[in-house]
Amino acid sequence: MIAGGDIAAAMADSMPPADLAAITLRPDDLAETVWRLVDERSAPEAVIDVIS
């Protein structure tokens, strides 16, 4: 899920924040990756996860 999104907000009511950190993407990281795909055009796709 994406931090600040509707799903993240709904989950925040039912789980401790520490448990959600492992499954939450930061919007800035997602936007940066998508921008690189558009700008550089060096790859057709990217894997975006909370680990990398």
C-alpha atoms as a PDB file:
ATOM      1  CA  MET A   1       0.000   0.000   0.000  1.00  0.00           C
ATOM      2  CA  ILE A   2       1.027   3.619  -0.386  1.00  0.00           C
ATOM      3  CA  ALA A   3       1.537   5.837   2.654  1.00  0.00           C
ATOM      4  CA  GLY A   4      -1.103   8.537   2.849  1.00  0.00           C
ATOM      5  CA  GLY A   5      -3.547   6.631   0.658  1.00  0.00           C
ATOM      6  CA  ASP A   6      -7.049   5.483   1.555  1.00  0.00           C
ATOM      7  CA  ILE A   7      -6.007   1.879   2.185  1.00  0.00           C
ATOM      8  CA  ALA A   8      -3.119   2.957   4.440  1.00  0.00           C
ATOM      9  CA  ALA A   9      -5.459   5.200   6.408  1.00  0.00           C
ATOM     10  CA  ALA A  10      -7.962   2.371   6.883  1.00  0.00           C
ATOM     11  CA  MET A  11      -5.236  -0.042   7.968  1.00  0.00           C
ATOM     12  CA  ALA A  12      -3.751   2.494  10.398  1.00  0.00           C
ATOM     13  CA  ASP A  13      -6.905   2.260  12.482  1.00  0.00           C
ATOM     14  CA  SER A  14      -6.518  -1.482  12.968  1.00  0.00           C
ATOM     15  CA  MET A  15      -2.750  -2.109  13.203  1.00  0.00           C
ATOM     16  CA  PRO A  16       0.240  -0.567  14.992  1.00  0.00           C
ATOM     17  CA  PRO A  17       2.396   1.680  12.725  1.00  0.00           C
ATOM     18  CA  ALA A  18       5.439  -0.546  13.214  1.00  0.00           C
ATOM     19  CA  ASP A  19       3.571  -3.484  11.665  1.00  0.00           C
ATOM     20  CA  LEU A  20       2.546  -1.398   8.650  1.00  0.00           C
ATOM     21  CA  ALA A  21       6.039  -0.078   7.879  1.00  0.00           C
ATOM     22  CA  ALA A  22       7.050  -3.365   6.275  1.00  0.00           C
ATOM     23  CA  ILE A  23       4.213  -3.201   3.735  1.00  0.00           C
ATOM     24  CA  THR A  24       3.981   0.537   3.021  1.00  0.00           C
ATOM     25  CA  LEU A  25       5.551   2.342   0.057  1.00  0.00           C
ATOM     26  CA  ARG A  26       6.500   5.986   0.383  1.00  0.00           C
ATOM     27  CA  PRO A  27       4.896   8.123  -2.347  1.00  0.00           C
ATOM     28  CA  ASP A  28       8.142   9.996  -3.048  1.00  0.00           C
ATOM     29  CA  ASP A  29       9.998   6.743  -3.740  1.00  0.00           C
ATOM     30  CA  LEU A  30       7.234   5.555  -6.052  1.00  0.00           C
ATOM     31  CA  ALA A  31       7.159   8.874  -7.926  1.00  0.00           C
ATOM     32  CA  GLU A  32      10.944   8.913  -8.345  1.00  0.00           C
ATOM     33  CA  THR A  33      10.965   5.430  -9.833  1.00  0.00           C
ATOM     34  CA  VAL A  34       8.140   6.218 -12.239  1.00  0.00           C
ATOM     35  CA  TRP A  35       9.828   9.480 -13.253  1.00  0.00           C
ATOM     36  CA  ARG A  36      13.085   7.636 -14.015  1.00  0.00           C
ATOM     37  CA  LEU A  37      11.185   5.195 -16.238  1.00  0.00           C
ATOM     38  CA  VAL A  38       9.688   8.084 -18.202  1.00  0.00           C
ATOM     39  CA  ASP A  39      12.767  10.302 -18.299  1.00  0.00           C
ATOM     40  CA  GLU A  40      15.539   7.770 -18.977  1.00  0.00           C
ATOM     41  CA  ARG A  41      13.547   5.226 -20.998  1.00  0.00           C
ATOM     42  CA  SER A  42      16.231   2.665 -20.204  1.00  0.00           C
ATOM     43  CA  ALA A  43      13.851  -0.008 -18.906  1.00  0.00           C
ATOM     44  CA  PRO A  44      10.286  -0.986 -19.805  1.00  0.00           C
ATOM     45  CA  GLU A  45       9.306  -1.660 -16.206  1.00  0.00           C
ATOM     46  CA  ALA A  46      10.503  -1.483 -12.614  1.00  0.00           C
ATOM     47  CA  VAL A  47       9.878  -3.495  -9.488  1.00  0.00           C
ATOM     48  CA  ILE A  48       8.923  -1.238  -6.627  1.00  0.00           C
ATOM     49  CA  ASP A  49       8.909  -2.730  -3.152  1.00  0.00           C
ATOM     50  CA  VAL A  50       9.441  -1.648   0.418  1.00  0.00           C
ATOM     51  CA  ILE A  51      12.790  -3.414   0.728  1.00  0.00           C
ATOM     52  CA  SER A  52      14.809  -1.687  -1.996  1.00  0.00           C
END
